[in-house]
Amino acid sequence: MSRFIRSAHRIFLSASRTLTNGCQPRIATANSLLHSKPNATCNTHKSPFTANILRILGNEIEYQLDYAPPHQPATSFNSFTVQDRPGEKWMTMRGKHGDKEEIKLEVTMFDGCAVVPKPGEDSTEENMLLHISLLVDVSKGQGCPELEFLCSAWPDRLEIQKVYLLNRDKVITNPYMGPDFRKMNEKLQKTLRDYLEARGVNNELCVFLHEYMMNKDKIELIQWLGNVKSIVEK
């Protein structure tokens, strides 16, 4: 799973384009696309079908901008700095612990969900919980192996799925990647959860990530709609 996430990350990075940083310029661009009016000559050549597509796209952009519009993304959370990746399904957070440790978080947008019963003994209704994948790399400098945690960030809690020991200076054909975290001794599981907790990777972070990705999802949608409208108009 970790290898898949890192491979997907590289694909997204290689395919990414240089886009305007920040939320407001990107929303402003989509807004300008919404209200832009092609010259009269272009309008005369547009088919009713194309005109209808433009109208629907414009209405959807207007709706997204008016109903719960996105806000400026956070650039920090507690001791972490936040680096958005406009146009990508990722964001990166970086922090430090003590004098030596560098902590890097790579976070997906929503990539799954789970259906759970609503609280209450007599309740037959269900809640859908959105899932975020989170890679946590803890590094102590060049020449020292890194600890990497593959985690699930649920709306209110963090779950560790795997723990890897990575030596990026050596290429090993078939490395031993460690046991399944859920099969470890309970005391060891708690120790590793406490290890991340001390570095600010905890349930509070999960709440922030879900709020951040809800907002990013809205930003990316508005930008995508604006880009599609711009292409159809040409």
Protein backbone atom coordinates (compact mmCIF):
# COMPACT_ATOMS: atom_id res chain seq x y z
CA MET A 1 0.00 0.00 0.00
CA SER A 2 2.81 2.39 0.90
CA ARG A 3 4.59 1.56 -2.36
CA PHE A 4 1.35 2.24 -4.26
CA ILE A 5 0.90 5.62 -2.55
CA ARG A 6 4.47 6.67 -3.26
CA SER A 7 4.16 5.57 -6.91
CA ALA A 8 0.91 7.48 -7.30
CA HIS A 9 2.56 10.48 -5.69
CA ARG A 10 5.36 10.44 -8.25
CA ILE A 11 2.82 10.19 -11.09
CA PHE A 12 0.88 13.16 -9.78
CA LEU A 13 4.06 15.19 -9.38
CA SER A 14 5.29 14.43 -12.90
CA ALA A 15 1.90 15.22 -14.41
CA SER A 16 1.33 18.42 -12.46
CA ARG A 17 1.43 21.81 -14.15
CA THR A 18 2.57 25.15 -12.77
CA LEU A 19 -0.59 26.65 -11.31
CA THR A 20 -1.24 29.80 -9.33
CA ASN A 21 -0.63 29.24 -5.62
CA GLY A 22 -3.30 30.02 -3.05
CA CYS A 23 -7.05 29.79 -2.94
CA GLN A 24 -8.28 33.29 -3.79
CA PRO A 25 -6.43 33.75 -7.14
CA ARG A 26 -7.70 30.36 -8.35
CA ILE A 27 -11.29 31.08 -7.31
CA ALA A 28 -11.03 34.52 -8.87
CA THR A 29 -9.91 32.87 -12.11
CA ALA A 30 -12.92 30.55 -12.11
CA ASN A 31 -15.15 33.52 -11.27
CA SER A 32 -13.78 35.49 -14.20
CA LEU A 33 -14.41 32.51 -16.47
CA LEU A 34 -17.98 32.43 -15.25
CA HIS A 35 -18.64 36.05 -16.19
CA SER A 36 -16.47 36.24 -19.30
CA LYS A 37 -18.38 36.94 -22.51
CA PRO A 38 -16.99 35.78 -25.85
CA ASN A 39 -17.11 38.35 -28.63
CA ALA A 40 -20.20 38.55 -30.81
CA THR A 41 -18.54 36.79 -33.74
CA CYS A 42 -17.77 33.73 -31.62
CA ASN A 43 -21.33 33.65 -30.26
CA THR A 44 -22.81 33.50 -33.73
CA HIS A 45 -20.88 30.31 -34.46
CA LYS A 46 -21.76 28.46 -31.25
CA SER A 47 -24.27 25.67 -31.63
CA PRO A 48 -27.28 25.47 -29.30
CA PHE A 49 -25.69 22.35 -27.78
CA THR A 50 -22.45 24.20 -26.96
CA ALA A 51 -24.35 27.20 -25.62
CA ASN A 52 -26.32 24.88 -23.35
CA ILE A 53 -23.13 23.28 -22.01
CA LEU A 54 -21.69 26.72 -21.24
CA ARG A 55 -24.89 27.75 -19.49
CA ILE A 56 -24.90 24.60 -17.32
CA LEU A 57 -21.22 24.98 -16.46
CA GLY A 58 -21.71 28.65 -15.62
CA ASN A 59 -24.67 27.87 -13.38
CA GLU A 60 -22.70 25.17 -11.55
CA ILE A 61 -19.71 27.47 -10.96
CA GLU A 62 -22.03 30.19 -9.68
CA TYR A 63 -23.74 27.73 -7.37
CA GLN A 64 -20.43 26.47 -5.96
CA LEU A 65 -19.18 30.03 -5.39
CA ASP A 66 -22.42 31.11 -3.69
CA TYR A 67 -23.17 28.00 -1.62
CA ALA A 68 -20.58 27.37 1.11
CA PRO A 69 -17.73 28.95 -0.90
CA PRO A 70 -14.18 27.78 -0.12
CA HIS A 71 -11.89 29.87 2.03
CA GLN A 72 -8.18 30.60 2.03
CA PRO A 73 -6.38 27.32 2.86
CA ALA A 74 -4.46 27.16 6.11
CA THR A 75 -0.69 27.47 5.78
CA SER A 76 0.09 26.00 9.18
CA PHE A 77 -1.32 23.76 11.88
CA ASN A 78 0.25 23.69 15.33
CA SER A 79 3.98 23.12 14.70
CA PHE A 80 3.52 22.03 11.05
CA THR A 81 3.73 24.13 7.92
CA VAL A 82 1.23 23.26 5.19
CA GLN A 83 2.08 23.15 1.49
CA ASP A 84 -0.91 22.82 -0.79
CA ARG A 85 -0.52 21.21 -4.22
CA PRO A 86 -2.92 23.05 -6.55
CA GLY A 87 -4.41 20.74 -9.15
CA GLU A 88 -3.26 17.60 -7.34
CA LYS A 89 -4.86 15.15 -4.92
CA TRP A 90 -2.17 15.77 -2.31
CA MET A 91 -0.89 18.18 0.27
CA THR A 92 2.32 18.12 2.29
CA MET A 93 3.03 19.11 5.90
CA ARG A 94 6.45 19.52 7.48
CA GLY A 95 7.58 19.92 11.05
CA LYS A 96 10.37 19.25 13.51
CA HIS A 97 10.69 17.42 16.78
CA GLY A 98 13.60 18.39 18.96
CA ASP A 99 16.85 19.42 17.33
CA LYS A 100 17.37 16.48 14.97
CA GLU A 101 14.08 15.06 13.74
CA GLU A 102 12.43 16.16 10.52
CA ILE A 103 8.80 15.12 10.13
CA LYS A 104 7.10 15.01 6.74
CA LEU A 105 3.44 14.21 6.17
CA GLU A 106 2.01 13.37 2.75
CA VAL A 107 -1.78 13.48 2.78
CA THR A 108 -4.29 12.39 0.16
CA MET A 109 -7.67 13.91 -0.50
CA PHE A 110 -10.60 11.65 0.42
CA ASP A 111 -9.85 8.20 -1.01
CA GLY A 112 -12.43 5.95 0.62
CA CYS A 113 -15.21 5.70 3.17
CA ALA A 114 -16.75 3.42 5.76
CA VAL A 115 -20.39 3.04 6.73
CA VAL A 116 -21.07 2.73 10.47
CA PRO A 117 -24.28 2.66 12.53
CA LYS A 118 -25.40 5.94 14.05
CA PRO A 119 -25.08 6.15 17.84
CA GLY A 120 -28.09 4.93 19.80
CA GLU A 121 -29.42 1.52 20.73
CA ASP A 122 -32.57 1.81 18.62
CA SER A 123 -31.03 3.58 15.63
CA THR A 124 -31.26 1.82 12.26
CA GLU A 125 -29.64 4.71 10.37
CA GLU A 126 -26.02 4.83 9.25
CA ASN A 127 -23.21 7.37 9.03
CA MET A 128 -20.66 7.51 6.22
CA LEU A 129 -17.13 8.29 7.42
CA LEU A 130 -14.70 9.66 4.84
CA HIS A 131 -11.15 8.27 4.79
CA ILE A 132 -7.81 9.99 4.21
CA SER A 133 -4.50 8.17 3.68
CA LEU A 134 -1.53 9.63 5.51
CA LEU A 135 2.19 8.87 5.21
CA VAL A 136 4.34 10.04 8.12
CA ASP A 137 8.13 10.05 7.62
CA VAL A 138 10.36 10.64 10.63
CA SER A 139 13.97 11.35 9.65
CA LYS A 140 17.03 11.99 11.81
CA GLY A 141 19.37 13.04 9.04
CA GLN A 142 21.39 11.59 6.20
CA GLY A 143 22.78 8.13 6.78
CA CYS A 144 20.16 7.23 9.35
CA PRO A 145 17.18 5.00 8.39
CA GLU A 146 13.75 6.60 8.46
CA LEU A 147 10.62 5.46 10.21
CA GLU A 148 7.57 5.60 7.99
CA PHE A 149 4.01 5.18 9.22
CA LEU A 150 1.13 4.42 6.88
CA CYS A 151 -1.98 5.73 8.63
CA SER A 152 -5.71 6.16 8.16
CA ALA A 153 -7.07 9.56 9.14
CA TRP A 154 -10.75 9.26 10.03
CA PRO A 155 -12.82 12.34 10.96
CA ASP A 156 -12.04 11.99 14.66
CA ARG A 157 -9.22 9.50 15.06
CA LEU A 158 -5.91 8.26 13.71
CA GLU A 159 -5.22 4.61 12.93
CA ILE A 160 -1.75 3.21 12.21
CA GLN A 161 -1.83 0.55 9.49
CA LYS A 162 1.85 -0.20 8.85
CA VAL A 163 5.24 0.80 10.21
CA TYR A 164 8.26 0.67 7.89
CA LEU A 165 11.98 1.08 8.43
CA LEU A 166 13.43 2.69 5.29
CA ASN A 167 17.06 3.07 4.34
CA ARG A 168 16.95 5.37 1.33
CA ASP A 169 20.74 5.20 0.90
CA LYS A 170 20.64 1.48 0.08
CA VAL A 171 18.70 -0.39 -2.60
CA ILE A 172 17.39 -3.70 -1.28
CA THR A 173 15.64 -5.99 -3.73
CA ASN A 174 13.19 -7.57 -1.33
CA PRO A 175 13.37 -5.81 2.03
CA TYR A 176 11.54 -6.98 5.12
CA MET A 177 8.96 -4.25 5.73
CA GLY A 178 7.89 -5.19 9.22
CA PRO A 179 4.84 -6.95 10.68
CA ASP A 180 1.19 -5.98 10.36
CA PHE A 181 0.71 -3.26 12.97
CA ARG A 182 -2.64 -4.70 14.09
CA LYS A 183 -0.93 -8.01 14.94
CA MET A 184 1.72 -6.45 17.14
CA ASN A 185 1.77 -6.71 20.89
CA GLU A 186 -0.75 -4.24 22.34
CA LYS A 187 1.87 -2.51 24.46
CA LEU A 188 4.05 -2.02 21.37
CA GLN A 189 1.07 -0.64 19.46
CA LYS A 190 0.41 1.86 22.24
CA THR A 191 4.07 2.84 22.37
CA LEU A 192 4.13 3.64 18.66
CA ARG A 193 0.87 5.59 18.89
CA ASP A 194 2.39 7.58 21.76
CA TYR A 195 5.49 8.14 19.60
CA LEU A 196 3.39 9.83 16.92
CA GLU A 197 1.29 11.65 19.50
CA ALA A 198 4.44 13.28 20.90
CA ARG A 199 5.20 14.55 17.38
CA GLY A 200 1.77 16.09 16.85
CA VAL A 201 0.35 13.29 14.68
CA ASN A 202 -2.86 12.60 16.55
CA ASN A 203 -6.65 12.79 16.56
CA GLU A 204 -6.59 16.60 16.57
CA LEU A 205 -4.59 16.51 13.35
CA CYS A 206 -7.24 14.25 11.78
CA VAL A 207 -9.94 16.83 12.48
CA PHE A 208 -7.80 19.49 10.78
CA LEU A 209 -7.07 17.27 7.76
CA HIS A 210 -10.75 16.57 7.13
CA GLU A 211 -11.62 20.27 7.33
CA TYR A 212 -8.69 21.11 5.03
CA MET A 213 -9.58 18.48 2.43
CA MET A 214 -13.26 19.46 2.41
CA ASN A 215 -12.14 22.96 1.48
CA LYS A 216 -9.53 21.73 -1.04
CA ASP A 217 -12.11 19.50 -2.70
CA LYS A 218 -14.33 22.56 -3.25
CA ILE A 219 -11.42 24.64 -4.61
CA GLU A 220 -10.34 21.93 -7.06
CA LEU A 221 -13.92 21.43 -8.27
CA ILE A 222 -14.43 25.14 -8.99
CA GLN A 223 -11.10 25.34 -10.80
CA TRP A 224 -11.91 22.21 -12.83
CA LEU A 225 -15.32 23.56 -13.85
CA GLY A 226 -13.72 26.85 -14.89
CA ASN A 227 -11.09 25.08 -16.98
CA VAL A 228 -13.72 22.95 -18.73
CA LYS A 229 -15.81 26.06 -19.47
CA SER A 230 -12.77 27.88 -20.85
CA ILE A 231 -11.99 24.98 -23.22
CA VAL A 232 -15.57 24.69 -24.47
CA GLU A 233 -15.68 28.45 -25.13
CA LYS A 234 -12.64 28.32 -27.44
